[in-house]
Amino acid sequence: MNLQQFYVKLGKRIKELREEKGYSQQILAEKADISIDYLGKIEVNINNPGLKSVFKIVRALDISFEEFFKSI
């Protein structure tokens, strides 16, 4: 897997988990303290998030990093 493929999978994983939790993009963005525009662009692979943003999103989803990354 190359870096671009990783970011595609990362965005899909965020969207998948967000939907499983029943969160809208707005709710997750607020919980993660990031903009809804930025979250949307991460989910469709327009923006590649830094580690700090990934950390905030994972915490907002209330799951472990192991759980988050297990299918990426």
PDB file of N, CA and C in Angstrom:
ATOM      1  N   MET A   1       0.850  -1.174   0.000  1.00  0.00           N
ATOM      2  CA  MET A   1       0.000   0.000   0.000  1.00  0.00           C
ATOM      3  C   MET A   1       0.896   1.237   0.000  1.00  0.00           C
ATOM      4  N   ASN A   2       0.590   2.168  -0.896  1.00  0.00           N
ATOM      5  CA  ASN A   2       1.339   3.424  -0.896  1.00  0.00           C
ATOM      6  C   ASN A   2       0.603   4.454  -0.037  1.00  0.00           C
ATOM      7  N   LEU A   3       1.219   5.619   0.128  1.00  0.00           N
ATOM      8  CA  LEU A   3       0.672   6.643   1.013  1.00  0.00           C
ATOM      9  C   LEU A   3      -0.700   7.125   0.549  1.00  0.00           C
ATOM     10  N   GLN A   4      -0.876   7.297  -0.738  1.00  0.00           N
ATOM     11  CA  GLN A   4      -2.169   7.759  -1.254  1.00  0.00           C
ATOM     12  C   GLN A   4      -3.273   6.745  -0.955  1.00  0.00           C
ATOM     13  N   GLN A   5      -2.968   5.470  -1.135  1.00  0.00           N
ATOM     14  CA  GLN A   5      -3.935   4.418  -0.826  1.00  0.00           C
ATOM     15  C   GLN A   5      -4.272   4.413   0.668  1.00  0.00           C
ATOM     16  N   PHE A   6      -3.269   4.672   1.488  1.00  0.00           N
ATOM     17  CA  PHE A   6      -3.494   4.747   2.928  1.00  0.00           C
ATOM     18  C   PHE A   6      -4.500   5.848   3.261  1.00  0.00           C
ATOM     19  N   TYR A   7      -4.311   7.038   2.683  1.00  0.00           N
ATOM     20  CA  TYR A   7      -5.225   8.148   2.963  1.00  0.00           C
ATOM     21  C   TYR A   7      -6.637   7.879   2.463  1.00  0.00           C
ATOM     22  N   VAL A   8      -6.767   7.183   1.349  1.00  0.00           N
ATOM     23  CA  VAL A   8      -8.093   6.808   0.851  1.00  0.00           C
ATOM     24  C   VAL A   8      -8.777   5.898   1.870  1.00  0.00           C
ATOM     25  N   LYS A   9      -8.049   4.882   2.341  1.00  0.00           N
ATOM     26  CA  LYS A   9      -8.612   3.959   3.329  1.00  0.00           C
ATOM     27  C   LYS A   9      -8.923   4.665   4.641  1.00  0.00           C
ATOM     28  N   LEU A  10      -8.069   5.600   5.027  1.00  0.00           N
ATOM     29  CA  LEU A  10      -8.278   6.357   6.254  1.00  0.00           C
ATOM     30  C   LEU A  10      -9.600   7.132   6.184  1.00  0.00           C
ATOM     31  N   GLY A  11      -9.818   7.834   5.092  1.00  0.00           N
ATOM     32  CA  GLY A  11     -11.058   8.592   4.926  1.00  0.00           C
ATOM     33  C   GLY A  11     -12.284   7.704   4.932  1.00  0.00           C
ATOM     34  N   LYS A  12     -12.189   6.571   4.262  1.00  0.00           N
ATOM     35  CA  LYS A  12     -13.315   5.633   4.232  1.00  0.00           C
ATOM     36  C   LYS A  12     -13.598   5.077   5.618  1.00  0.00           C
ATOM     37  N   ARG A  13     -12.529   4.810   6.377  1.00  0.00           N
ATOM     38  CA  ARG A  13     -12.691   4.269   7.737  1.00  0.00           C
ATOM     39  C   ARG A  13     -13.364   5.294   8.649  1.00  0.00           C
ATOM     40  N   ILE A  14     -12.962   6.538   8.529  1.00  0.00           N
ATOM     41  CA  ILE A  14     -13.588   7.591   9.334  1.00  0.00           C
ATOM     42  C   ILE A  14     -15.076   7.680   9.007  1.00  0.00           C
ATOM     43  N   LYS A  15     -15.400   7.702   7.733  1.00  0.00           N
ATOM     44  CA  LYS A  15     -16.808   7.784   7.330  1.00  0.00           C
ATOM     45  C   LYS A  15     -17.598   6.575   7.823  1.00  0.00           C
ATOM     46  N   GLU A  16     -17.026   5.393   7.672  1.00  0.00           N
ATOM     47  CA  GLU A  16     -17.678   4.157   8.110  1.00  0.00           C
ATOM     48  C   GLU A  16     -17.991   4.206   9.614  1.00  0.00           C
ATOM     49  N   LEU A  17     -17.005   4.579  10.410  1.00  0.00           N
ATOM     50  CA  LEU A  17     -17.198   4.620  11.856  1.00  0.00           C
ATOM     51  C   LEU A  17     -18.156   5.743  12.265  1.00  0.00           C
ATOM     52  N   ARG A  18     -18.059   6.871  11.579  1.00  0.00           N
ATOM     53  CA  ARG A  18     -18.977   7.983  11.864  1.00  0.00           C
ATOM     54  C   ARG A  18     -20.416   7.540  11.638  1.00  0.00           C
ATOM     55  N   GLU A  19     -20.659   6.875  10.526  1.00  0.00           N
ATOM     56  CA  GLU A  19     -22.008   6.418  10.209  1.00  0.00           C
ATOM     57  C   GLU A  19     -22.476   5.336  11.182  1.00  0.00           C
ATOM     58  N   GLU A  20     -21.569   4.435  11.597  1.00  0.00           N
ATOM     59  CA  GLU A  20     -21.922   3.413  12.586  1.00  0.00           C
ATOM     60  C   GLU A  20     -22.373   4.048  13.902  1.00  0.00           C
ATOM     61  N   LYS A  21     -21.732   5.159  14.269  1.00  0.00           N
ATOM     62  CA  LYS A  21     -22.091   5.862  15.501  1.00  0.00           C
ATOM     63  C   LYS A  21     -23.358   6.700  15.336  1.00  0.00           C
ATOM     64  N   GLY A  22     -23.804   6.860  14.096  1.00  0.00           N
ATOM     65  CA  GLY A  22     -24.983   7.673  13.835  1.00  0.00           C
ATOM     66  C   GLY A  22     -24.698   9.162  13.867  1.00  0.00           C
ATOM     67  N   TYR A  23     -23.431   9.521  13.682  1.00  0.00           N
ATOM     68  CA  TYR A  23     -23.027  10.929  13.706  1.00  0.00           C
ATOM     69  C   TYR A  23     -23.106  11.536  12.310  1.00  0.00           C
ATOM     70  N   SER A  24     -23.573  12.746  12.234  1.00  0.00           N
ATOM     71  CA  SER A  24     -23.446  13.517  10.996  1.00  0.00           C
ATOM     72  C   SER A  24     -22.015  14.046  10.942  1.00  0.00           C
ATOM     73  N   GLN A  25     -21.626  14.566   9.799  1.00  0.00           N
ATOM     74  CA  GLN A  25     -20.305  15.189   9.707  1.00  0.00           C
ATOM     75  C   GLN A  25     -20.209  16.355  10.689  1.00  0.00           C
ATOM     76  N   GLN A  26     -21.283  17.094  10.825  1.00  0.00           N
ATOM     77  CA  GLN A  26     -21.270  18.249  11.719  1.00  0.00           C
ATOM     78  C   GLN A  26     -21.029  17.820  13.168  1.00  0.00           C
ATOM     79  N   ILE A  27     -21.699  16.770  13.602  1.00  0.00           N
ATOM     80  CA  ILE A  27     -21.534  16.311  14.985  1.00  0.00           C
ATOM     81  C   ILE A  27     -20.109  15.831  15.228  1.00  0.00           C
ATOM     82  N   LEU A  28     -19.576  15.014  14.322  1.00  0.00           N
ATOM     83  CA  LEU A  28     -18.209  14.525  14.519  1.00  0.00           C
ATOM     84  C   LEU A  28     -17.209  15.664  14.473  1.00  0.00           C
ATOM     85  N   ALA A  29     -17.386  16.583  13.548  1.00  0.00           N
ATOM     86  CA  ALA A  29     -16.470  17.727  13.454  1.00  0.00           C
ATOM     87  C   ALA A  29     -16.470  18.527  14.750  1.00  0.00           C
ATOM     88  N   GLU A  30     -17.650  18.752  15.318  1.00  0.00           N
ATOM     89  CA  GLU A  30     -17.740  19.483  16.581  1.00  0.00           C
ATOM     90  C   GLU A  30     -17.055  18.717  17.714  1.00  0.00           C
ATOM     91  N   LYS A  31     -17.302  17.406  17.792  1.00  0.00           N
ATOM     92  CA  LYS A  31     -16.690  16.584  18.839  1.00  0.00           C
ATOM     93  C   LYS A  31     -15.164  16.558  18.711  1.00  0.00           C
ATOM     94  N   ALA A  32     -14.672  16.575  17.462  1.00  0.00           N
ATOM     95  CA  ALA A  32     -13.228  16.511  17.211  1.00  0.00           C
ATOM     96  C   ALA A  32     -12.579  17.890  17.175  1.00  0.00           C
ATOM     97  N   ASP A  33     -13.382  18.926  17.265  1.00  0.00           N
ATOM     98  CA  ASP A  33     -12.886  20.303  17.210  1.00  0.00           C
ATOM     99  C   ASP A  33     -12.121  20.585  15.914  1.00  0.00           C
ATOM    100  N   ILE A  34     -12.736  20.150  14.803  1.00  0.00           N
ATOM    101  CA  ILE A  34     -12.216  20.463  13.471  1.00  0.00           C
ATOM    102  C   ILE A  34     -13.389  20.996  12.650  1.00  0.00           C
ATOM    103  N   SER A  35     -13.107  21.604  11.523  1.00  0.00           N
ATOM    104  CA  SER A  35     -14.204  22.149  10.715  1.00  0.00           C
ATOM    105  C   SER A  35     -14.910  21.028   9.947  1.00  0.00           C
ATOM    106  N   ILE A  36     -16.188  21.241   9.700  1.00  0.00           N
ATOM    107  CA  ILE A  36     -16.966  20.269   8.938  1.00  0.00           C
ATOM    108  C   ILE A  36     -16.417  20.146   7.508  1.00  0.00           C
ATOM    109  N   ASP A  37     -15.959  21.255   6.959  1.00  0.00           N
ATOM    110  CA  ASP A  37     -15.374  21.249   5.620  1.00  0.00           C
ATOM    111  C   ASP A  37     -14.129  20.365   5.583  1.00  0.00           C
ATOM    112  N   TYR A  38     -13.283  20.502   6.580  1.00  0.00           N
ATOM    113  CA  TYR A  38     -12.047  19.705   6.656  1.00  0.00           C
ATOM    114  C   TYR A  38     -12.389  18.222   6.791  1.00  0.00           C
ATOM    115  N   LEU A  39     -13.335  17.883   7.668  1.00  0.00           N
ATOM    116  CA  LEU A  39     -13.736  16.490   7.844  1.00  0.00           C
ATOM    117  C   LEU A  39     -14.271  15.911   6.543  1.00  0.00           C
ATOM    118  N   GLY A  40     -15.121  16.654   5.878  1.00  0.00           N
ATOM    119  CA  GLY A  40     -15.673  16.179   4.613  1.00  0.00           C
ATOM    120  C   GLY A  40     -14.588  15.913   3.578  1.00  0.00           C
ATOM    121  N   LYS A  41     -13.602  16.792   3.534  1.00  0.00           N
ATOM    122  CA  LYS A  41     -12.505  16.618   2.578  1.00  0.00           C
ATOM    123  C   LYS A  41     -11.601  15.450   2.949  1.00  0.00           C
ATOM    124  N   ILE A  42     -11.479  15.158   4.234  1.00  0.00           N
ATOM    125  CA  ILE A  42     -10.724  13.972   4.651  1.00  0.00           C
ATOM    126  C   ILE A  42     -11.455  12.717   4.188  1.00  0.00           C
ATOM    127  N   GLU A  43     -12.766  12.690   4.390  1.00  0.00           N
ATOM    128  CA  GLU A  43     -13.549  11.503   4.034  1.00  0.00           C
ATOM    129  C   GLU A  43     -13.518  11.194   2.543  1.00  0.00           C
ATOM    130  N   VAL A  44     -13.397  12.204   1.697  1.00  0.00           N
ATOM    131  CA  VAL A  44     -13.368  11.957   0.247  1.00  0.00           C
ATOM    132  C   VAL A  44     -11.969  12.109  -0.346  1.00  0.00           C
ATOM    133  N   ASN A  45     -10.970  12.136   0.528  1.00  0.00           N
ATOM    134  CA  ASN A  45      -9.562  12.132   0.127  1.00  0.00           C
ATOM    135  C   ASN A  45      -9.143  13.371  -0.652  1.00  0.00           C
ATOM    136  N   ILE A  46      -9.662  14.521  -0.276  1.00  0.00           N
ATOM    137  CA  ILE A  46      -9.178  15.779  -0.842  1.00  0.00           C
ATOM    138  C   ILE A  46      -8.082  16.342   0.060  1.00  0.00           C
ATOM    139  N   ASN A  47      -8.267  16.182   1.368  1.00  0.00           N
ATOM    140  CA  ASN A  47      -7.248  16.600   2.347  1.00  0.00           C
ATOM    141  C   ASN A  47      -6.672  15.372   3.036  1.00  0.00           C
ATOM    142  N   ASN A  48      -5.375  15.407   3.290  1.00  0.00           N
ATOM    143  CA  ASN A  48      -4.706  14.356   4.031  1.00  0.00           C
ATOM    144  C   ASN A  48      -4.447  14.868   5.445  1.00  0.00           C
ATOM    145  N   PRO A  49      -5.105  14.277   6.441  1.00  0.00           N
ATOM    146  CA  PRO A  49      -4.989  14.806   7.795  1.00  0.00           C
ATOM    147  C   PRO A  49      -3.645  14.499   8.434  1.00  0.00           C
ATOM    148  N   GLY A  50      -3.232  15.390   9.315  1.00  0.00           N
ATOM    149  CA  GLY A  50      -2.042  15.148  10.112  1.00  0.00           C
ATOM    150  C   GLY A  50      -2.390  14.268  11.304  1.00  0.00           C
ATOM    151  N   LEU A  51      -1.373  13.854  12.013  1.00  0.00           N
ATOM    152  CA  LEU A  51      -1.557  12.972  13.160  1.00  0.00           C
ATOM    153  C   LEU A  51      -2.449  13.599  14.228  1.00  0.00           C
ATOM    154  N   LYS A  52      -2.286  14.892  14.460  1.00  0.00           N
ATOM    155  CA  LYS A  52      -3.104  15.570  15.467  1.00  0.00           C
ATOM    156  C   LYS A  52      -4.591  15.495  15.114  1.00  0.00           C
ATOM    157  N   SER A  53      -4.929  15.703  13.864  1.00  0.00           N
ATOM    158  CA  SER A  53      -6.326  15.627  13.440  1.00  0.00           C
ATOM    159  C   SER A  53      -6.859  14.203  13.549  1.00  0.00           C
ATOM    160  N   VAL A  54      -6.054  13.228  13.161  1.00  0.00           N
ATOM    161  CA  VAL A  54      -6.475  11.829  13.284  1.00  0.00           C
ATOM    162  C   VAL A  54      -6.724  11.498  14.757  1.00  0.00           C
ATOM    163  N   PHE A  55      -5.838  11.946  15.620  1.00  0.00           N
ATOM    164  CA  PHE A  55      -5.980  11.725  17.055  1.00  0.00           C
ATOM    165  C   PHE A  55      -7.305  12.300  17.559  1.00  0.00           C
ATOM    166  N   LYS A  56      -7.621  13.525  17.155  1.00  0.00           N
ATOM    167  CA  LYS A  56      -8.865  14.171  17.580  1.00  0.00           C
ATOM    168  C   LYS A  56     -10.088  13.404  17.075  1.00  0.00           C
ATOM    169  N   ILE A  57     -10.034  12.947  15.847  1.00  0.00           N
ATOM    170  CA  ILE A  57     -11.161  12.220  15.254  1.00  0.00           C
ATOM    171  C   ILE A  57     -11.362  10.884  15.956  1.00  0.00           C
ATOM    172  N   VAL A  58     -10.281  10.154  16.187  1.00  0.00           N
ATOM    173  CA  VAL A  58     -10.383   8.854  16.861  1.00  0.00           C
ATOM    174  C   VAL A  58     -10.950   9.036  18.268  1.00  0.00           C
ATOM    175  N   ARG A  59     -10.479  10.029  18.973  1.00  0.00           N
ATOM    176  CA  ARG A  59     -11.014  10.290  20.322  1.00  0.00           C
ATOM    177  C   ARG A  59     -12.495  10.661  20.257  1.00  0.00           C
ATOM    178  N   ALA A  60     -12.881  11.461  19.271  1.00  0.00           N
ATOM    179  CA  ALA A  60     -14.283  11.863  19.132  1.00  0.00           C
ATOM    180  C   ALA A  60     -15.179  10.669  18.792  1.00  0.00           C
ATOM    181  N   LEU A  61     -14.615   9.686  18.127  1.00  0.00           N
ATOM    182  CA  LEU A  61     -15.365   8.473  17.802  1.00  0.00           C
ATOM    183  C   LEU A  61     -15.426   7.509  18.989  1.00  0.00           C
ATOM    184  N   ASP A  62     -14.655   7.815  20.031  1.00  0.00           N
ATOM    185  CA  ASP A  62     -14.648   7.031  21.268  1.00  0.00           C
ATOM    186  C   ASP A  62     -14.275   5.571  21.032  1.00  0.00           C
ATOM    187  N   ILE A  63     -13.209   5.378  20.261  1.00  0.00           N
ATOM    188  CA  ILE A  63     -12.672   4.032  20.048  1.00  0.00           C
ATOM    189  C   ILE A  63     -11.163   4.079  20.254  1.00  0.00           C
ATOM    190  N   SER A  64     -10.556   2.911  20.359  1.00  0.00           N
ATOM    191  CA  SER A  64      -9.106   2.840  20.530  1.00  0.00           C
ATOM    192  C   SER A  64      -8.420   2.993  19.166  1.00  0.00           C
ATOM    193  N   PHE A  65      -7.151   3.349  19.220  1.00  0.00           N
ATOM    194  CA  PHE A  65      -6.387   3.439  17.974  1.00  0.00           C
ATOM    195  C   PHE A  65      -6.268   2.074  17.319  1.00  0.00           C
ATOM    196  N   GLU A  66      -6.137   1.036  18.125  1.00  0.00           N
ATOM    197  CA  GLU A  66      -6.053  -0.326  17.576  1.00  0.00           C
ATOM    198  C   GLU A  66      -7.311  -0.656  16.785  1.00  0.00           C
ATOM    199  N   GLU A  67      -8.454  -0.337  17.372  1.00  0.00           N
ATOM    200  CA  GLU A  67      -9.727  -0.591  16.693  1.00  0.00           C
ATOM    201  C   GLU A  67      -9.836   0.240  15.414  1.00  0.00           C
ATOM    202  N   PHE A  68      -9.430   1.505  15.502  1.00  0.00           N
ATOM    203  CA  PHE A  68      -9.524   2.381  14.336  1.00  0.00           C
ATOM    204  C   PHE A  68      -8.678   1.861  13.173  1.00  0.00           C
ATOM    205  N   PHE A  69      -7.441   1.468  13.464  1.00  0.00           N
ATOM    206  CA  PHE A  69      -6.510   1.109  12.393  1.00  0.00           C
ATOM    207  C   PHE A  69      -6.559  -0.355  11.989  1.00  0.00           C
ATOM    208  N   LYS A  70      -7.358  -1.179  12.650  1.00  0.00           N
ATOM    209  CA  LYS A  70      -7.309  -2.615  12.389  1.00  0.00           C
ATOM    210  C   LYS A  70      -7.698  -2.993  10.959  1.00  0.00           C
ATOM    211  N   SER A  71      -8.523  -2.232  10.309  1.00  0.00           N
ATOM    212  CA  SER A  71      -8.945  -2.609   8.945  1.00  0.00           C
ATOM    213  C   SER A  71      -8.369  -1.689   7.862  1.00  0.00           C
ATOM    214  N   ILE A  72      -7.360  -0.926   8.237  1.00  0.00           N
ATOM    215  CA  ILE A  72      -6.742  -0.041   7.235  1.00  0.00           C
ATOM    216  C   ILE A  72      -5.535  -0.736   6.643  1.00  0.00           C
TER     217      ILE A  72
END
